[in-house]
Amino acid sequence: MLTDGGRYLAQHVGPASAFELIELFLGPLPEARLSRDPESEAAAARAAGLVVDDLRTARLRMEFHDIGAVVWTLRKCVWWVPDFSTERYAERLRDLDARLRSDGPFVAYSSRHLIEAHRT
């Protein structure tokens, strides 16, 4: 809750962040790709009585060079593939490992947006 003159500054996860990797394990997620829209979040801030001073978006390249990096990431970001385990996804991990060895890094994109607002 902001008082008059209070400022809000936050970095939010953007739409379809890391979905190249997530969908490799879960399959297509067309509905989920539509969530976390920066313009919708800015509109929600305005509806809550804030003045949006700045809204910036970024789409950042993530490269996975080996299967260990993929496993580590999926174990740290447990919300990406909620049922992830190396046993459950062993075949997909082996396929991805072979792909990494033959084709080079697996590329995904992290999206973020920065919103700066204030209450008048």
C-alpha atoms as a PDB file:
ATOM      1  CA  MET A   1       0.000   0.000   0.000  1.00  0.00           C
ATOM      2  CA  LEU A   2       1.432   3.335  -1.026  1.00  0.00           C
ATOM      3  CA  THR A   3       0.746   6.621   0.703  1.00  0.00           C
ATOM      4  CA  ASP A   4       0.354   9.820  -1.304  1.00  0.00           C
ATOM      5  CA  GLY A   5       3.682  10.562  -2.974  1.00  0.00           C
ATOM      6  CA  GLY A   6       4.834   6.967  -2.504  1.00  0.00           C
ATOM      7  CA  ARG A   7       6.786   5.265  -5.287  1.00  0.00           C
ATOM      8  CA  TYR A   8       6.602   1.734  -6.668  1.00  0.00           C
ATOM      9  CA  LEU A   9       9.510   0.196  -8.575  1.00  0.00           C
ATOM     10  CA  ALA A  10       9.533  -3.477  -9.502  1.00  0.00           C
ATOM     11  CA  GLN A  11      10.865  -5.960 -11.998  1.00  0.00           C
ATOM     12  CA  HIS A  12       8.209  -8.462 -13.048  1.00  0.00           C
ATOM     13  CA  VAL A  13       8.526 -11.675 -14.998  1.00  0.00           C
ATOM     14  CA  GLY A  14       7.299 -11.036 -18.507  1.00  0.00           C
ATOM     15  CA  PRO A  15       5.194 -13.071 -20.899  1.00  0.00           C
ATOM     16  CA  ALA A  16       6.349 -16.522 -22.024  1.00  0.00           C
ATOM     17  CA  SER A  17       9.579 -16.269 -20.052  1.00  0.00           C
ATOM     18  CA  ALA A  18      11.815 -19.314 -20.695  1.00  0.00           C
ATOM     19  CA  PHE A  19       8.945 -21.041 -22.497  1.00  0.00           C
ATOM     20  CA  GLU A  20      11.328 -22.567 -25.037  1.00  0.00           C
ATOM     21  CA  LEU A  21      12.690 -24.708 -22.197  1.00  0.00           C
ATOM     22  CA  ILE A  22       9.428 -25.126 -20.288  1.00  0.00           C
ATOM     23  CA  GLU A  23       7.488 -26.271 -23.349  1.00  0.00           C
ATOM     24  CA  LEU A  24      10.249 -28.705 -24.269  1.00  0.00           C
ATOM     25  CA  PHE A  25       9.216 -30.620 -21.134  1.00  0.00           C
ATOM     26  CA  LEU A  26       5.504 -29.785 -20.778  1.00  0.00           C
ATOM     27  CA  GLY A  27       4.426 -29.348 -24.375  1.00  0.00           C
ATOM     28  CA  PRO A  28       2.624 -26.291 -25.797  1.00  0.00           C
ATOM     29  CA  LEU A  29       1.100 -23.906 -23.259  1.00  0.00           C
ATOM     30  CA  PRO A  30      -0.819 -21.419 -25.436  1.00  0.00           C
ATOM     31  CA  GLU A  31      -2.966 -19.981 -22.623  1.00  0.00           C
ATOM     32  CA  ALA A  32      -0.017 -19.498 -20.262  1.00  0.00           C
ATOM     33  CA  ARG A  33       1.892 -17.650 -23.002  1.00  0.00           C
ATOM     34  CA  LEU A  34      -0.681 -14.846 -22.775  1.00  0.00           C
ATOM     35  CA  SER A  35      -0.236 -14.078 -19.073  1.00  0.00           C
ATOM     36  CA  ARG A  36       2.059 -11.513 -17.480  1.00  0.00           C
ATOM     37  CA  ASP A  37       1.471  -8.911 -20.160  1.00  0.00           C
ATOM     38  CA  PRO A  38       3.293  -5.672 -19.250  1.00  0.00           C
ATOM     39  CA  GLU A  39       0.580  -3.419 -20.677  1.00  0.00           C
ATOM     40  CA  SER A  40      -2.099  -5.256 -18.678  1.00  0.00           C
ATOM     41  CA  GLU A  41      -0.049  -4.893 -15.495  1.00  0.00           C
ATOM     42  CA  ALA A  42       0.452  -1.179 -16.157  1.00  0.00           C
ATOM     43  CA  ALA A  43      -3.307  -0.824 -16.702  1.00  0.00           C
ATOM     44  CA  ALA A  44      -3.939  -2.624 -13.392  1.00  0.00           C
ATOM     45  CA  ALA A  45      -1.578  -0.192 -11.639  1.00  0.00           C
ATOM     46  CA  ARG A  46      -3.492   2.737 -13.143  1.00  0.00           C
ATOM     47  CA  ALA A  47      -6.790   1.184 -12.084  1.00  0.00           C
ATOM     48  CA  ALA A  48      -5.409   0.975  -8.540  1.00  0.00           C
ATOM     49  CA  GLY A  49      -4.833   4.735  -8.590  1.00  0.00           C
ATOM     50  CA  LEU A  50      -1.154   4.831  -9.529  1.00  0.00           C
ATOM     51  CA  VAL A  51       0.497   6.961 -12.174  1.00  0.00           C
ATOM     52  CA  VAL A  52       2.793   4.806 -14.306  1.00  0.00           C
ATOM     53  CA  ASP A  53       5.952   6.803 -14.923  1.00  0.00           C
ATOM     54  CA  ASP A  54       7.889   4.193 -16.896  1.00  0.00           C
ATOM     55  CA  LEU A  55       7.398   0.733 -18.322  1.00  0.00           C
ATOM     56  CA  ARG A  56      10.368  -1.042 -19.889  1.00  0.00           C
ATOM     57  CA  THR A  57      10.534  -4.510 -21.330  1.00  0.00           C
ATOM     58  CA  ALA A  58      13.446  -6.814 -22.089  1.00  0.00           C
ATOM     59  CA  ARG A  59      13.819 -10.215 -23.710  1.00  0.00           C
ATOM     60  CA  LEU A  60      17.133 -11.753 -22.681  1.00  0.00           C
ATOM     61  CA  ARG A  61      18.933 -14.694 -24.249  1.00  0.00           C
ATOM     62  CA  MET A  62      19.664 -17.722 -22.048  1.00  0.00           C
ATOM     63  CA  GLU A  63      22.056 -20.400 -23.343  1.00  0.00           C
ATOM     64  CA  PHE A  64      22.278 -23.909 -21.930  1.00  0.00           C
ATOM     65  CA  HIS A  65      25.542 -25.580 -22.955  1.00  0.00           C
ATOM     66  CA  ASP A  66      25.149 -28.872 -21.100  1.00  0.00           C
ATOM     67  CA  ILE A  67      22.430 -31.034 -19.613  1.00  0.00           C
ATOM     68  CA  GLY A  68      23.688 -30.386 -16.075  1.00  0.00           C
ATOM     69  CA  ALA A  69      22.831 -26.698 -16.467  1.00  0.00           C
ATOM     70  CA  VAL A  70      19.323 -27.608 -17.615  1.00  0.00           C
ATOM     71  CA  VAL A  71      18.769 -29.968 -14.668  1.00  0.00           C
ATOM     72  CA  TRP A  72      20.173 -27.441 -12.179  1.00  0.00           C
ATOM     73  CA  THR A  73      17.915 -24.692 -13.553  1.00  0.00           C
ATOM     74  CA  LEU A  74      14.771 -26.835 -13.493  1.00  0.00           C
ATOM     75  CA  ARG A  75      15.515 -27.860  -9.903  1.00  0.00           C
ATOM     76  CA  LYS A  76      15.953 -24.214  -8.856  1.00  0.00           C
ATOM     77  CA  CYS A  77      12.961 -22.859 -10.802  1.00  0.00           C
ATOM     78  CA  VAL A  78      10.527 -25.504  -9.573  1.00  0.00           C
ATOM     79  CA  TRP A  79       7.481 -23.610 -10.910  1.00  0.00           C
ATOM     80  CA  TRP A  80       8.690 -23.970 -14.536  1.00  0.00           C
ATOM     81  CA  VAL A  81       8.170 -27.749 -14.721  1.00  0.00           C
ATOM     82  CA  PRO A  82       6.373 -28.519 -11.437  1.00  0.00           C
ATOM     83  CA  ASP A  83       6.661 -32.304 -11.699  1.00  0.00           C
ATOM     84  CA  PHE A  84      10.294 -32.274 -12.826  1.00  0.00           C
ATOM     85  CA  SER A  85      12.611 -35.076 -11.833  1.00  0.00           C
ATOM     86  CA  THR A  86      15.467 -36.624 -13.762  1.00  0.00           C
ATOM     87  CA  GLU A  87      13.721 -39.977 -13.565  1.00  0.00           C
ATOM     88  CA  ARG A  88      10.386 -38.701 -14.894  1.00  0.00           C
ATOM     89  CA  TYR A  89      12.011 -36.825 -17.786  1.00  0.00           C
ATOM     90  CA  ALA A  90      14.990 -39.151 -18.408  1.00  0.00           C
ATOM     91  CA  GLU A  91      14.190 -39.771 -22.063  1.00  0.00           C
ATOM     92  CA  ARG A  92      13.651 -36.083 -22.839  1.00  0.00           C
ATOM     93  CA  LEU A  93      16.874 -35.216 -20.984  1.00  0.00           C
ATOM     94  CA  ARG A  94      18.815 -37.812 -22.976  1.00  0.00           C
ATOM     95  CA  ASP A  95      17.387 -36.424 -26.226  1.00  0.00           C
ATOM     96  CA  LEU A  96      18.276 -32.869 -25.218  1.00  0.00           C
ATOM     97  CA  ASP A  97      21.769 -33.971 -24.162  1.00  0.00           C
ATOM     98  CA  ALA A  98      22.334 -35.517 -27.599  1.00  0.00           C
ATOM     99  CA  ARG A  99      21.060 -32.315 -29.225  1.00  0.00           C
ATOM    100  CA  LEU A 100      23.389 -30.155 -27.115  1.00  0.00           C
ATOM    101  CA  ARG A 101      26.365 -32.319 -28.028  1.00  0.00           C
ATOM    102  CA  SER A 102      25.614 -32.255 -31.751  1.00  0.00           C
ATOM    103  CA  ASP A 103      24.087 -28.795 -32.311  1.00  0.00           C
ATOM    104  CA  GLY A 104      25.505 -26.650 -29.519  1.00  0.00           C
ATOM    105  CA  PRO A 105      23.660 -24.612 -26.899  1.00  0.00           C
ATOM    106  CA  PHE A 106      19.912 -24.715 -26.346  1.00  0.00           C
ATOM    107  CA  VAL A 107      18.572 -21.149 -26.426  1.00  0.00           C
ATOM    108  CA  ALA A 108      15.634 -19.812 -24.447  1.00  0.00           C
ATOM    109  CA  TYR A 109      14.559 -16.252 -23.707  1.00  0.00           C
ATOM    110  CA  SER A 110      13.816 -14.719 -20.349  1.00  0.00           C
ATOM    111  CA  SER A 111      11.386 -11.820 -20.511  1.00  0.00           C
ATOM    112  CA  ARG A 112      11.112  -9.132 -17.872  1.00  0.00           C
ATOM    113  CA  HIS A 113       9.515  -5.773 -17.445  1.00  0.00           C
ATOM    114  CA  LEU A 114      10.307  -2.922 -15.151  1.00  0.00           C
ATOM    115  CA  ILE A 115       7.458  -0.798 -13.910  1.00  0.00           C
ATOM    116  CA  GLU A 116       7.884   2.489 -12.100  1.00  0.00           C
ATOM    117  CA  ALA A 117       4.832   4.217 -10.687  1.00  0.00           C
ATOM    118  CA  HIS A 118       3.772   6.632  -7.970  1.00  0.00           C
ATOM    119  CA  ARG A 119       0.677   7.646  -6.049  1.00  0.00           C
ATOM    120  CA  THR A 120      -0.309  11.292  -6.325  1.00  0.00           C
END
